[in-house]
Amino acid sequence: MKPYQPLNCDLHDFLEIACMRGYCLQVELLDGPSFVARALNTRTAPSKEEFFVLETASGRKEERLDRLLAITPLDAGASFGRIELAGS
């Protein structure tokens, strides 16, 4: 896996909002299929890599932030729409 590339702080705010509000999201990855999950939290590993903690139908999973292409809230009345995270 390539070295971790931190996410732009402005974009990180959208992940925090999604977690605080418990949004159900369509999560798109750079190198994999998209999936639906509920935003739970973000986590920083001792290595300084950051992860998005999600609850899926098959259980809890973590995605490294630099693997995320985009997130789209599926909740009615969400405070933001599709956010592209890649290339930040």
PDB file of N, CA and C in Angstrom:
ATOM      1  N   MET A   1       0.851  -1.185   0.000  1.00  0.00           N
ATOM      2  CA  MET A   1       0.000   0.000   0.000  1.00  0.00           C
ATOM      3  C   MET A   1       0.889   1.239   0.000  1.00  0.00           C
ATOM      4  N   LYS A   2       0.479   2.247  -0.746  1.00  0.00           N
ATOM      5  CA  LYS A   2       1.283   3.464  -0.834  1.00  0.00           C
ATOM      6  C   LYS A   2       1.249   4.234   0.484  1.00  0.00           C
ATOM      7  N   PRO A   3       2.240   5.112   0.705  1.00  0.00           N
ATOM      8  CA  PRO A   3       2.274   5.903   1.938  1.00  0.00           C
ATOM      9  C   PRO A   3       1.005   6.740   2.097  1.00  0.00           C
ATOM     10  N   TYR A   4       0.597   6.924   3.330  1.00  0.00           N
ATOM     11  CA  TYR A   4      -0.622   7.658   3.639  1.00  0.00           C
ATOM     12  C   TYR A   4      -0.501   9.125   3.235  1.00  0.00           C
ATOM     13  N   GLN A   5      -1.556   9.632   2.605  1.00  0.00           N
ATOM     14  CA  GLN A   5      -1.652  11.041   2.233  1.00  0.00           C
ATOM     15  C   GLN A   5      -2.787  11.666   3.043  1.00  0.00           C
ATOM     16  N   PRO A   6      -2.491  12.592   3.955  1.00  0.00           N
ATOM     17  CA  PRO A   6      -3.548  13.185   4.788  1.00  0.00           C
ATOM     18  C   PRO A   6      -4.619  13.879   3.948  1.00  0.00           C
ATOM     19  N   LEU A   7      -5.831  13.849   4.469  1.00  0.00           N
ATOM     20  CA  LEU A   7      -6.970  14.490   3.829  1.00  0.00           C
ATOM     21  C   LEU A   7      -6.955  15.985   4.153  1.00  0.00           C
ATOM     22  N   ASN A   8      -7.349  16.798   3.196  1.00  0.00           N
ATOM     23  CA  ASN A   8      -7.484  18.237   3.385  1.00  0.00           C
ATOM     24  C   ASN A   8      -8.401  18.494   4.585  1.00  0.00           C
ATOM     25  N   CYS A   9      -8.024  19.409   5.454  1.00  0.00           N
ATOM     26  CA  CYS A   9      -8.798  19.694   6.677  1.00  0.00           C
ATOM     27  C   CYS A   9     -10.241  20.091   6.386  1.00  0.00           C
ATOM     28  N   ASP A  10     -10.465  20.883   5.332  1.00  0.00           N
ATOM     29  CA  ASP A  10     -11.829  21.291   4.988  1.00  0.00           C
ATOM     30  C   ASP A  10     -12.698  20.078   4.672  1.00  0.00           C
ATOM     31  N   LEU A  11     -12.133  19.096   3.994  1.00  0.00           N
ATOM     32  CA  LEU A  11     -12.888  17.893   3.651  1.00  0.00           C
ATOM     33  C   LEU A  11     -13.097  17.008   4.876  1.00  0.00           C
ATOM     34  N   HIS A  12     -12.122  17.009   5.766  1.00  0.00           N
ATOM     35  CA  HIS A  12     -12.233  16.228   7.000  1.00  0.00           C
ATOM     36  C   HIS A  12     -13.454  16.679   7.799  1.00  0.00           C
ATOM     37  N   ASP A  13     -13.784  17.967   7.731  1.00  0.00           N
ATOM     38  CA  ASP A  13     -14.953  18.500   8.445  1.00  0.00           C
ATOM     39  C   ASP A  13     -16.239  17.798   8.019  1.00  0.00           C
ATOM     40  N   PHE A  14     -16.366  17.453   6.734  1.00  0.00           N
ATOM     41  CA  PHE A  14     -17.568  16.760   6.267  1.00  0.00           C
ATOM     42  C   PHE A  14     -17.683  15.367   6.890  1.00  0.00           C
ATOM     43  N   LEU A  15     -16.553  14.697   7.071  1.00  0.00           N
ATOM     44  CA  LEU A  15     -16.577  13.388   7.729  1.00  0.00           C
ATOM     45  C   LEU A  15     -17.029  13.535   9.179  1.00  0.00           C
ATOM     46  N   GLU A  16     -16.536  14.569   9.843  1.00  0.00           N
ATOM     47  CA  GLU A  16     -16.925  14.806  11.237  1.00  0.00           C
ATOM     48  C   GLU A  16     -18.421  15.108  11.353  1.00  0.00           C
ATOM     49  N   ILE A  17     -18.953  15.907  10.441  1.00  0.00           N
ATOM     50  CA  ILE A  17     -20.392  16.209  10.441  1.00  0.00           C
ATOM     51  C   ILE A  17     -21.185  14.920  10.227  1.00  0.00           C
ATOM     52  N   ALA A  18     -20.748  14.107   9.278  1.00  0.00           N
ATOM     53  CA  ALA A  18     -21.444  12.836   8.999  1.00  0.00           C
ATOM     54  C   ALA A  18     -21.460  11.955  10.245  1.00  0.00           C
ATOM     55  N   CYS A  19     -20.359  11.940  10.984  1.00  0.00           N
ATOM     56  CA  CYS A  19     -20.293  11.130  12.208  1.00  0.00           C
ATOM     57  C   CYS A  19     -21.182  11.699  13.312  1.00  0.00           C
ATOM     58  N   MET A  20     -21.108  13.023  13.510  1.00  0.00           N
ATOM     59  CA  MET A  20     -21.921  13.653  14.565  1.00  0.00           C
ATOM     60  C   MET A  20     -23.410  13.429  14.328  1.00  0.00           C
ATOM     61  N   ARG A  21     -23.827  13.440  13.070  1.00  0.00           N
ATOM     62  CA  ARG A  21     -25.244  13.290  12.738  1.00  0.00           C
ATOM     63  C   ARG A  21     -25.622  11.853  12.415  1.00  0.00           C
ATOM     64  N   GLY A  22     -24.644  10.961  12.415  1.00  0.00           N
ATOM     65  CA  GLY A  22     -24.917   9.544  12.161  1.00  0.00           C
ATOM     66  C   GLY A  22     -25.481   9.274  10.783  1.00  0.00           C
ATOM     67  N   TYR A  23     -25.009  10.027   9.793  1.00  0.00           N
ATOM     68  CA  TYR A  23     -25.536   9.879   8.436  1.00  0.00           C
ATOM     69  C   TYR A  23     -25.290   8.477   7.871  1.00  0.00           C
ATOM     70  N   CYS A  24     -26.276   8.036   7.113  1.00  0.00           N
ATOM     71  CA  CYS A  24     -26.119   6.857   6.273  1.00  0.00           C
ATOM     72  C   CYS A  24     -25.516   7.384   4.969  1.00  0.00           C
ATOM     73  N   LEU A  25     -24.424   6.769   4.517  1.00  0.00           N
ATOM     74  CA  LEU A  25     -23.671   7.275   3.376  1.00  0.00           C
ATOM     75  C   LEU A  25     -23.496   6.236   2.278  1.00  0.00           C
ATOM     76  N   GLN A  26     -23.454   6.708   1.049  1.00  0.00           N
ATOM     77  CA  GLN A  26     -22.926   5.919  -0.060  1.00  0.00           C
ATOM     78  C   GLN A  26     -21.438   6.240  -0.058  1.00  0.00           C
ATOM     79  N   VAL A  27     -20.611   5.238   0.159  1.00  0.00           N
ATOM     80  CA  VAL A  27     -19.166   5.430   0.248  1.00  0.00           C
ATOM     81  C   VAL A  27     -18.524   4.879  -1.018  1.00  0.00           C
ATOM     82  N   GLU A  28     -17.798   5.738  -1.724  1.00  0.00           N
ATOM     83  CA  GLU A  28     -17.108   5.327  -2.947  1.00  0.00           C
ATOM     84  C   GLU A  28     -15.611   5.266  -2.663  1.00  0.00           C
ATOM     85  N   LEU A  29     -14.996   4.144  -3.057  1.00  0.00           N
ATOM     86  CA  LEU A  29     -13.563   3.948  -2.851  1.00  0.00           C
ATOM     87  C   LEU A  29     -12.795   4.177  -4.145  1.00  0.00           C
ATOM     88  N   LEU A  30     -11.527   4.514  -4.019  1.00  0.00           N
ATOM     89  CA  LEU A  30     -10.675   4.690  -5.196  1.00  0.00           C
ATOM     90  C   LEU A  30     -10.439   3.368  -5.911  1.00  0.00           C
ATOM     91  N   ASP A  31     -10.312   2.293  -5.156  1.00  0.00           N
ATOM     92  CA  ASP A  31      -9.914   1.018  -5.739  1.00  0.00           C
ATOM     93  C   ASP A  31     -10.817  -0.145  -5.340  1.00  0.00           C
ATOM     94  N   GLY A  32     -12.114   0.126  -5.258  1.00  0.00           N
ATOM     95  CA  GLY A  32     -13.023  -0.944  -4.878  1.00  0.00           C
ATOM     96  C   GLY A  32     -14.457  -0.541  -5.104  1.00  0.00           C
ATOM     97  N   PRO A  33     -15.364  -1.461  -4.806  1.00  0.00           N
ATOM     98  CA  PRO A  33     -16.783  -1.163  -5.010  1.00  0.00           C
ATOM     99  C   PRO A  33     -17.298  -0.160  -3.976  1.00  0.00           C
ATOM    100  N   SER A  34     -18.358   0.541  -4.346  1.00  0.00           N
ATOM    101  CA  SER A  34     -18.990   1.442  -3.384  1.00  0.00           C
ATOM    102  C   SER A  34     -19.898   0.612  -2.477  1.00  0.00           C
ATOM    103  N   PHE A  35     -20.248   1.189  -1.340  1.00  0.00           N
ATOM    104  CA  PHE A  35     -21.113   0.484  -0.387  1.00  0.00           C
ATOM    105  C   PHE A  35     -21.849   1.515   0.459  1.00  0.00           C
ATOM    106  N   VAL A  36     -22.882   1.050   1.142  1.00  0.00           N
ATOM    107  CA  VAL A  36     -23.675   1.900   2.031  1.00  0.00           C
ATOM    108  C   VAL A  36     -23.279   1.578   3.466  1.00  0.00           C
ATOM    109  N   ALA A  37     -23.080   2.643   4.267  1.00  0.00           N
ATOM    110  CA  ALA A  37     -22.689   2.464   5.661  1.00  0.00           C
ATOM    111  C   ALA A  37     -23.093   3.690   6.468  1.00  0.00           C
ATOM    112  N   ARG A  38     -23.221   3.498   7.775  1.00  0.00           N
ATOM    113  CA  ARG A  38     -23.499   4.608   8.691  1.00  0.00           C
ATOM    114  C   ARG A  38     -22.171   5.122   9.244  1.00  0.00           C
ATOM    115  N   ALA A  39     -21.995   6.436   9.206  1.00  0.00           N
ATOM    116  CA  ALA A  39     -20.780   7.070   9.730  1.00  0.00           C
ATOM    117  C   ALA A  39     -20.781   6.995  11.248  1.00  0.00           C
ATOM    118  N   LEU A  40     -19.697   6.494  11.828  1.00  0.00           N
ATOM    119  CA  LEU A  40     -19.595   6.387  13.275  1.00  0.00           C
ATOM    120  C   LEU A  40     -18.559   7.332  13.871  1.00  0.00           C
ATOM    121  N   ASN A  41     -17.344   7.315  13.294  1.00  0.00           N
ATOM    122  CA  ASN A  41     -16.253   8.067  13.904  1.00  0.00           C
ATOM    123  C   ASN A  41     -15.070   8.123  12.947  1.00  0.00           C
ATOM    124  N   THR A  42     -14.071   8.909  13.319  1.00  0.00           N
ATOM    125  CA  THR A  42     -12.775   8.852  12.647  1.00  0.00           C
ATOM    126  C   THR A  42     -11.770   8.425  13.706  1.00  0.00           C
ATOM    127  N   ARG A  43     -10.667   7.859  13.244  1.00  0.00           N
ATOM    128  CA  ARG A  43      -9.658   7.359  14.177  1.00  0.00           C
ATOM    129  C   ARG A  43      -8.283   7.600  13.580  1.00  0.00           C
ATOM    130  N   THR A  44      -7.338   7.997  14.416  1.00  0.00           N
ATOM    131  CA  THR A  44      -5.958   8.165  13.994  1.00  0.00           C
ATOM    132  C   THR A  44      -5.120   7.062  14.621  1.00  0.00           C
ATOM    133  N   ALA A  45      -4.418   6.308  13.780  1.00  0.00           N
ATOM    134  CA  ALA A  45      -3.555   5.233  14.252  1.00  0.00           C
ATOM    135  C   ALA A  45      -2.238   5.811  14.769  1.00  0.00           C
ATOM    136  N   PRO A  46      -1.495   5.046  15.555  1.00  0.00           N
ATOM    137  CA  PRO A  46      -0.182   5.519  16.021  1.00  0.00           C
ATOM    138  C   PRO A  46       0.745   5.913  14.863  1.00  0.00           C
ATOM    139  N   SER A  47       0.547   5.309  13.699  1.00  0.00           N
ATOM    140  CA  SER A  47       1.353   5.614  12.507  1.00  0.00           C
ATOM    141  C   SER A  47       0.944   6.936  11.858  1.00  0.00           C
ATOM    142  N   LYS A  48      -0.071   7.614  12.417  1.00  0.00           N
ATOM    143  CA  LYS A  48      -0.643   8.883  11.924  1.00  0.00           C
ATOM    144  C   LYS A  48      -1.581   8.696  10.728  1.00  0.00           C
ATOM    145  N   GLU A  49      -1.849   7.451  10.328  1.00  0.00           N
ATOM    146  CA  GLU A  49      -2.857   7.204   9.298  1.00  0.00           C
ATOM    147  C   GLU A  49      -4.218   7.444   9.925  1.00  0.00           C
ATOM    148  N   GLU A  50      -5.136   8.028   9.137  1.00  0.00           N
ATOM    149  CA  GLU A  50      -6.481   8.315   9.637  1.00  0.00           C
ATOM    150  C   GLU A  50      -7.483   7.384   8.965  1.00  0.00           C
ATOM    151  N   PHE A  51      -8.478   6.966   9.736  1.00  0.00           N
ATOM    152  CA  PHE A  51      -9.473   6.021   9.265  1.00  0.00           C
ATOM    153  C   PHE A  51     -10.882   6.535   9.523  1.00  0.00           C
ATOM    154  N   PHE A  52     -11.796   6.172   8.629  1.00  0.00           N
ATOM    155  CA  PHE A  52     -13.222   6.458   8.763  1.00  0.00           C
ATOM    156  C   PHE A  52     -13.858   5.183   9.292  1.00  0.00           C
ATOM    157  N   VAL A  53     -14.469   5.262  10.471  1.00  0.00           N
ATOM    158  CA  VAL A  53     -15.097   4.097  11.096  1.00  0.00           C
ATOM    159  C   VAL A  53     -16.564   4.088  10.687  1.00  0.00           C
ATOM    160  N   LEU A  54     -16.992   2.957  10.123  1.00  0.00           N
ATOM    161  CA  LEU A  54     -18.333   2.835   9.532  1.00  0.00           C
ATOM    162  C   LEU A  54     -19.024   1.578  10.008  1.00  0.00           C
ATOM    163  N   GLU A  55     -20.354   1.628  10.030  1.00  0.00           N
ATOM    164  CA  GLU A  55     -21.167   0.448  10.345  1.00  0.00           C
ATOM    165  C   GLU A  55     -21.877   0.031   9.066  1.00  0.00           C
ATOM    166  N   THR A  56     -21.585  -1.175   8.589  1.00  0.00           N
ATOM    167  CA  THR A  56     -22.226  -1.706   7.391  1.00  0.00           C
ATOM    168  C   THR A  56     -23.196  -2.809   7.787  1.00  0.00           C
ATOM    169  N   ALA A  57     -23.934  -3.324   6.831  1.00  0.00           N
ATOM    170  CA  ALA A  57     -24.871  -4.422   7.103  1.00  0.00           C
ATOM    171  C   ALA A  57     -24.130  -5.652   7.626  1.00  0.00           C
ATOM    172  N   SER A  58     -22.861  -5.801   7.246  1.00  0.00           N
ATOM    173  CA  SER A  58     -22.091  -6.975   7.679  1.00  0.00           C
ATOM    174  C   SER A  58     -21.188  -6.675   8.878  1.00  0.00           C
ATOM    175  N   GLY A  59     -21.307  -5.481   9.457  1.00  0.00           N
ATOM    176  CA  GLY A  59     -20.525  -5.162  10.652  1.00  0.00           C
ATOM    177  C   GLY A  59     -19.690  -3.904  10.494  1.00  0.00           C
ATOM    178  N   ARG A  60     -18.895  -3.648  11.508  1.00  0.00           N
ATOM    179  CA  ARG A  60     -18.058  -2.447  11.545  1.00  0.00           C
ATOM    180  C   ARG A  60     -16.840  -2.622  10.646  1.00  0.00           C
ATOM    181  N   LYS A  61     -16.483  -1.537   9.947  1.00  0.00           N
ATOM    182  CA  LYS A  61     -15.263  -1.556   9.136  1.00  0.00           C
ATOM    183  C   LYS A  61     -14.613  -0.196   9.176  1.00  0.00           C
ATOM    184  N   GLU A  62     -13.341  -0.167   8.830  1.00  0.00           N
ATOM    185  CA  GLU A  62     -12.576   1.076   8.784  1.00  0.00           C
ATOM    186  C   GLU A  62     -11.954   1.209   7.404  1.00  0.00           C
ATOM    187  N   GLU A  63     -12.034   2.405   6.855  1.00  0.00           N
ATOM    188  CA  GLU A  63     -11.413   2.711   5.564  1.00  0.00           C
ATOM    189  C   GLU A  63     -10.410   3.837   5.772  1.00  0.00           C
ATOM    190  N   ARG A  64      -9.211   3.648   5.276  1.00  0.00           N
ATOM    191  CA  ARG A  64      -8.199   4.690   5.352  1.00  0.00           C
ATOM    192  C   ARG A  64      -8.690   5.883   4.533  1.00  0.00           C
ATOM    193  N   LEU A  65      -8.570   7.099   5.077  1.00  0.00           N
ATOM    194  CA  LEU A  65      -9.162   8.279   4.444  1.00  0.00           C
ATOM    195  C   LEU A  65      -8.653   8.522   3.029  1.00  0.00           C
ATOM    196  N   ASP A  66      -7.408   8.184   2.755  1.00  0.00           N
ATOM    197  CA  ASP A  66      -6.890   8.425   1.404  1.00  0.00           C
ATOM    198  C   ASP A  66      -7.316   7.356   0.397  1.00  0.00           C
ATOM    199  N   ARG A  67      -8.142   6.410   0.816  1.00  0.00           N
ATOM    200  CA  ARG A  67      -8.724   5.421  -0.088  1.00  0.00           C
ATOM    201  C   ARG A  67     -10.136   5.825  -0.518  1.00  0.00           C
ATOM    202  N   LEU A  68     -10.670   6.884   0.103  1.00  0.00           N
ATOM    203  CA  LEU A  68     -12.027   7.329  -0.193  1.00  0.00           C
ATOM    204  C   LEU A  68     -12.055   8.215  -1.436  1.00  0.00           C
ATOM    205  N   LEU A  69     -12.948   7.898  -2.355  1.00  0.00           N
ATOM    206  CA  LEU A  69     -13.162   8.734  -3.535  1.00  0.00           C
ATOM    207  C   LEU A  69     -14.202   9.801  -3.225  1.00  0.00           C
ATOM    208  N   ALA A  70     -15.335   9.383  -2.625  1.00  0.00           N
ATOM    209  CA  ALA A  70     -16.423  10.319  -2.328  1.00  0.00           C
ATOM    210  C   ALA A  70     -17.367   9.718  -1.298  1.00  0.00           C
ATOM    211  N   ILE A  71     -18.118  10.609  -0.643  1.00  0.00           N
ATOM    212  CA  ILE A  71     -19.218  10.191   0.232  1.00  0.00           C
ATOM    213  C   ILE A  71     -20.455  10.977  -0.174  1.00  0.00           C
ATOM    214  N   THR A  72     -21.607  10.318  -0.084  1.00  0.00           N
ATOM    215  CA  THR A  72     -22.886  10.966  -0.383  1.00  0.00           C
ATOM    216  C   THR A  72     -23.884  10.598   0.709  1.00  0.00           C
ATOM    217  N   PRO A  73     -24.383  11.578   1.462  1.00  0.00           N
ATOM    218  CA  PRO A  73     -25.404  11.292   2.470  1.00  0.00           C
ATOM    219  C   PRO A  73     -26.693  10.806   1.810  1.00  0.00           C
ATOM    220  N   LEU A  74     -27.297   9.800   2.396  1.00  0.00           N
ATOM    221  CA  LEU A  74     -28.563   9.260   1.896  1.00  0.00           C
ATOM    222  C   LEU A  74     -29.737   9.700   2.760  1.00  0.00           C
ATOM    223  N   ASP A  75     -29.478  10.414   3.841  1.00  0.00           N
ATOM    224  CA  ASP A  75     -30.522  10.883   4.747  1.00  0.00           C
ATOM    225  C   ASP A  75     -31.224  12.109   4.168  1.00  0.00           C
ATOM    226  N   ALA A  76     -32.548  12.137   4.285  1.00  0.00           N
ATOM    227  CA  ALA A  76     -33.309  13.319   3.864  1.00  0.00           C
ATOM    228  C   ALA A  76     -32.882  14.503   4.724  1.00  0.00           C
ATOM    229  N   GLY A  77     -32.699  15.648   4.105  1.00  0.00           N
ATOM    230  CA  GLY A  77     -32.345  16.855   4.845  1.00  0.00           C
ATOM    231  C   GLY A  77     -30.894  16.930   5.274  1.00  0.00           C
ATOM    232  N   ALA A  78     -30.028  16.111   4.703  1.00  0.00           N
ATOM    233  CA  ALA A  78     -28.602  16.165   5.050  1.00  0.00           C
ATOM    234  C   ALA A  78     -28.056  17.561   4.749  1.00  0.00           C
ATOM    235  N   SER A  79     -27.071  17.974   5.510  1.00  0.00           N
ATOM    236  CA  SER A  79     -26.536  19.339   5.389  1.00  0.00           C
ATOM    237  C   SER A  79     -25.543  19.506   4.244  1.00  0.00           C
ATOM    238  N   PHE A  80     -25.217  18.427   3.540  1.00  0.00           N
ATOM    239  CA  PHE A  80     -24.344  18.515   2.370  1.00  0.00           C
ATOM    240  C   PHE A  80     -24.707  17.386   1.401  1.00  0.00           C
ATOM    241  N   GLY A  81     -24.267  17.518   0.171  1.00  0.00           N
ATOM    242  CA  GLY A  81     -24.492  16.496  -0.854  1.00  0.00           C
ATOM    243  C   GLY A  81     -23.230  15.677  -1.056  1.00  0.00           C
ATOM    244  N   ARG A  82     -23.037  15.171  -2.270  1.00  0.00           N
ATOM    245  CA  ARG A  82     -21.869  14.352  -2.575  1.00  0.00           C
ATOM    246  C   ARG A  82     -20.602  15.197  -2.417  1.00  0.00           C
ATOM    247  N   ILE A  83     -19.639  14.645  -1.680  1.00  0.00           N
ATOM    248  CA  ILE A  83     -18.361  15.297  -1.445  1.00  0.00           C
ATOM    249  C   ILE A  83     -17.256  14.416  -2.028  1.00  0.00           C
ATOM    250  N   GLU A  84     -16.506  14.966  -2.970  1.00  0.00           N
ATOM    251  CA  GLU A  84     -15.366  14.239  -3.531  1.00  0.00           C
ATOM    252  C   GLU A  84     -14.161  14.464  -2.644  1.00  0.00           C
ATOM    253  N   LEU A  85     -13.538  13.366  -2.217  1.00  0.00           N
ATOM    254  CA  LEU A  85     -12.420  13.437  -1.297  1.00  0.00           C
ATOM    255  C   LEU A  85     -11.087  13.145  -1.968  1.00  0.00           C
ATOM    256  N   ALA A  86     -11.102  12.434  -3.075  1.00  0.00           N
ATOM    257  CA  ALA A  86      -9.856  12.049  -3.743  1.00  0.00           C
ATOM    258  C   ALA A  86      -9.175  13.261  -4.359  1.00  0.00           C
ATOM    259  N   GLY A  87      -7.849  13.194  -4.383  1.00  0.00           N
ATOM    260  CA  GLY A  87      -7.093  14.268  -5.000  1.00  0.00           C
ATOM    261  C   GLY A  87      -6.964  15.503  -4.147  1.00  0.00           C
ATOM    262  N   SER A  88      -7.392  15.388  -2.895  1.00  0.00           N
ATOM    263  CA  SER A  88      -7.293  16.529  -1.990  1.00  0.00           C
ATOM    264  C   SER A  88      -5.937  16.500  -1.402  1.00  0.00           C
TER     265      SER A  88
END
